[in-house]
Amino acid sequence: MLSRLIDSSGWTAEQWLAATILVFIIITVIVVAHRMVRIFQISVKSKYKPNLRPLRRNKSHVKLNREAPE
């Protein structure tokens, strides 16, 4: 299908390199744009809560802090 649009049989090494770099740039722009859209969607949500675990402390550590004189 792509060979019907582009005849690459007579391409030089420089043309192949240029085409490869352009494809890489296009894919990179698409990925970055997709991630920016996802970040924007997350920031628009008013009730977004990150999935964080609660802080866990040792019970002995809490007791030591209560018993320490100030």
N, C-alpha and C. Protein backbone atom coordinates (compact mmCIF):
# COMPACT_ATOMS: atom_id res chain seq x y z
N MET A 1 0.81 -1.18 0.00
CA MET A 1 0.00 0.00 0.00
C MET A 1 0.87 1.26 0.00
N LEU A 2 1.86 1.29 0.86
CA LEU A 2 2.75 2.45 0.93
C LEU A 2 3.62 2.53 -0.32
N SER A 3 3.93 1.39 -0.89
CA SER A 3 4.78 1.39 -2.09
C SER A 3 4.07 2.02 -3.29
N ARG A 4 2.75 2.04 -3.27
CA ARG A 4 2.01 2.70 -4.35
C ARG A 4 2.17 4.21 -4.26
N LEU A 5 2.28 4.74 -3.04
CA LEU A 5 2.39 6.19 -2.84
C LEU A 5 3.82 6.69 -3.00
N ILE A 6 4.77 5.90 -2.53
CA ILE A 6 6.17 6.34 -2.52
C ILE A 6 7.02 5.29 -3.23
N ASP A 7 7.73 5.70 -4.25
CA ASP A 7 8.66 4.80 -4.94
C ASP A 7 10.05 5.00 -4.34
N SER A 8 10.44 4.09 -3.48
CA SER A 8 11.72 4.23 -2.77
C SER A 8 12.82 3.36 -3.38
N SER A 9 12.62 2.86 -4.57
CA SER A 9 13.60 1.95 -5.16
C SER A 9 14.91 2.65 -5.51
N GLY A 10 14.86 3.95 -5.82
CA GLY A 10 16.09 4.64 -6.19
C GLY A 10 16.60 5.59 -5.13
N TRP A 11 16.19 5.39 -3.89
CA TRP A 11 16.60 6.30 -2.83
C TRP A 11 18.06 6.10 -2.47
N THR A 12 18.71 7.20 -2.13
CA THR A 12 20.09 7.13 -1.64
C THR A 12 20.06 6.95 -0.12
N ALA A 13 21.23 6.74 0.46
CA ALA A 13 21.32 6.56 1.91
C ALA A 13 20.85 7.82 2.64
N GLU A 14 21.16 8.98 2.07
CA GLU A 14 20.75 10.23 2.71
C GLU A 14 19.23 10.38 2.72
N GLN A 15 18.58 9.95 1.65
CA GLN A 15 17.12 10.04 1.60
C GLN A 15 16.47 9.08 2.58
N TRP A 16 17.05 7.89 2.71
CA TRP A 16 16.54 6.94 3.71
C TRP A 16 16.72 7.50 5.12
N LEU A 17 17.87 8.11 5.38
CA LEU A 17 18.12 8.69 6.69
C LEU A 17 17.13 9.82 6.98
N ALA A 18 16.89 10.69 6.00
CA ALA A 18 15.95 11.79 6.17
C ALA A 18 14.54 11.27 6.42
N ALA A 19 14.14 10.25 5.69
CA ALA A 19 12.80 9.68 5.88
C ALA A 19 12.67 9.04 7.26
N THR A 20 13.70 8.35 7.70
CA THR A 20 13.68 7.73 9.03
C THR A 20 13.60 8.78 10.12
N ILE A 21 14.36 9.86 10.00
CA ILE A 21 14.33 10.93 10.99
C ILE A 21 12.95 11.60 11.02
N LEU A 22 12.37 11.83 9.86
CA LEU A 22 11.04 12.44 9.81
C LEU A 22 9.98 11.55 10.45
N VAL A 23 10.05 10.26 10.21
CA VAL A 23 9.10 9.33 10.84
C VAL A 23 9.28 9.33 12.35
N PHE A 24 10.53 9.34 12.82
CA PHE A 24 10.80 9.39 14.25
C PHE A 24 10.23 10.67 14.87
N ILE A 25 10.42 11.80 14.20
CA ILE A 25 9.91 13.08 14.72
C ILE A 25 8.38 13.06 14.77
N ILE A 26 7.75 12.53 13.74
CA ILE A 26 6.28 12.48 13.72
C ILE A 26 5.75 11.61 14.85
N ILE A 27 6.35 10.44 15.05
CA ILE A 27 5.92 9.55 16.12
C ILE A 27 6.14 10.21 17.49
N THR A 28 7.27 10.89 17.67
CA THR A 28 7.55 11.57 18.93
C THR A 28 6.53 12.67 19.21
N VAL A 29 6.18 13.44 18.20
CA VAL A 29 5.19 14.51 18.38
C VAL A 29 3.83 13.92 18.74
N ILE A 30 3.46 12.82 18.14
CA ILE A 30 2.18 12.18 18.46
C ILE A 30 2.17 11.69 19.90
N VAL A 31 3.25 11.05 20.33
CA VAL A 31 3.31 10.53 21.71
C VAL A 31 3.28 11.68 22.72
N VAL A 32 4.05 12.73 22.49
CA VAL A 32 4.07 13.87 23.41
C VAL A 32 2.71 14.55 23.46
N ALA A 33 2.06 14.71 22.32
CA ALA A 33 0.74 15.33 22.29
C ALA A 33 -0.28 14.47 23.04
N HIS A 34 -0.20 13.17 22.88
CA HIS A 34 -1.11 12.27 23.59
C HIS A 34 -0.92 12.39 25.10
N ARG A 35 0.32 12.44 25.55
CA ARG A 35 0.58 12.56 26.99
C ARG A 35 0.12 13.91 27.53
N MET A 36 0.29 14.97 26.75
CA MET A 36 -0.16 16.29 27.20
C MET A 36 -1.69 16.32 27.31
N VAL A 37 -2.38 15.68 26.37
CA VAL A 37 -3.83 15.62 26.44
C VAL A 37 -4.26 14.85 27.68
N ARG A 38 -3.59 13.76 27.98
CA ARG A 38 -3.93 12.98 29.19
C ARG A 38 -3.71 13.80 30.46
N ILE A 39 -2.60 14.53 30.52
CA ILE A 39 -2.34 15.37 31.69
C ILE A 39 -3.40 16.45 31.81
N PHE A 40 -3.80 17.05 30.70
CA PHE A 40 -4.83 18.07 30.72
C PHE A 40 -6.16 17.48 31.18
N GLN A 41 -6.50 16.29 30.73
CA GLN A 41 -7.75 15.66 31.16
C GLN A 41 -7.74 15.38 32.65
N ILE A 42 -6.61 14.96 33.19
CA ILE A 42 -6.51 14.69 34.62
C ILE A 42 -6.63 15.99 35.41
N SER A 43 -6.02 17.06 34.92
CA SER A 43 -6.06 18.32 35.66
C SER A 43 -7.43 18.97 35.63
N VAL A 44 -8.24 18.67 34.62
CA VAL A 44 -9.58 19.25 34.54
C VAL A 44 -10.52 18.60 35.55
N LYS A 45 -10.31 17.35 35.86
CA LYS A 45 -11.17 16.65 36.82
C LYS A 45 -11.04 17.33 38.18
N SER A 46 -12.17 17.70 38.77
CA SER A 46 -12.13 18.41 40.05
C SER A 46 -11.92 17.45 41.22
N LYS A 47 -12.31 16.20 41.05
CA LYS A 47 -12.20 15.25 42.16
C LYS A 47 -11.07 14.26 41.96
N TYR A 48 -10.02 14.67 41.27
CA TYR A 48 -8.91 13.76 41.03
C TYR A 48 -8.15 13.54 42.33
N LYS A 49 -7.98 12.29 42.69
CA LYS A 49 -7.20 11.93 43.86
C LYS A 49 -6.12 10.95 43.42
N PRO A 50 -4.86 11.26 43.66
CA PRO A 50 -3.82 10.31 43.29
C PRO A 50 -3.93 9.03 44.11
N ASN A 51 -3.51 7.96 43.54
CA ASN A 51 -3.60 6.67 44.20
C ASN A 51 -2.38 6.48 45.10
N LEU A 52 -2.43 7.09 46.28
CA LEU A 52 -1.32 7.01 47.21
C LEU A 52 -1.70 6.17 48.41
N ARG A 53 -0.75 5.40 48.89
CA ARG A 53 -1.00 4.62 50.10
C ARG A 53 -0.85 5.52 51.33
N PRO A 54 -1.60 5.27 52.37
CA PRO A 54 -1.45 6.09 53.57
C PRO A 54 -0.08 5.87 54.22
N LEU A 55 0.38 6.88 54.92
CA LEU A 55 1.67 6.80 55.59
C LEU A 55 1.56 5.81 56.75
N ARG A 56 2.50 4.89 56.82
CA ARG A 56 2.50 3.90 57.89
C ARG A 56 3.67 4.16 58.81
N ARG A 57 3.38 4.22 60.08
CA ARG A 57 4.44 4.42 61.08
C ARG A 57 4.40 3.28 62.08
N ASN A 58 5.54 3.00 62.65
CA ASN A 58 5.61 1.98 63.69
C ASN A 58 4.93 2.49 64.94
N LYS A 59 4.19 1.62 65.62
CA LYS A 59 3.52 2.04 66.85
C LYS A 59 4.53 2.37 67.93
N SER A 60 5.67 1.69 67.94
CA SER A 60 6.69 1.97 68.95
C SER A 60 7.27 3.36 68.73
N HIS A 61 7.38 3.80 67.51
CA HIS A 61 7.90 5.13 67.21
C HIS A 61 6.95 6.20 67.73
N VAL A 62 5.66 5.97 67.61
CA VAL A 62 4.66 6.94 68.09
C VAL A 62 4.71 7.00 69.60
N LYS A 63 4.86 5.86 70.29
CA LYS A 63 4.91 5.83 71.75
C LYS A 63 6.15 6.56 72.26
N LEU A 64 7.27 6.41 71.59
CA LEU A 64 8.49 7.08 72.01
C LEU A 64 8.34 8.59 71.92
N ASN A 65 7.68 9.07 70.89
CA ASN A 65 7.50 10.51 70.75
C ASN A 65 6.56 11.07 71.82
N ARG A 66 5.57 10.30 72.24
CA ARG A 66 4.65 10.77 73.29
C ARG A 66 5.32 10.80 74.65
N GLU A 67 6.23 9.87 74.91
CA GLU A 67 6.87 9.77 76.22
C GLU A 67 8.03 10.75 76.37
N ALA A 68 8.54 11.26 75.30
CA ALA A 68 9.69 12.16 75.37
C ALA A 68 9.29 13.48 76.00
N PRO A 69 10.07 13.96 77.02
CA PRO A 69 9.74 15.25 77.64
C PRO A 69 10.09 16.40 76.72
N GLU A 70 9.33 17.43 76.82
CA GLU A 70 9.59 18.61 75.97
C GLU A 70 10.27 19.70 76.73
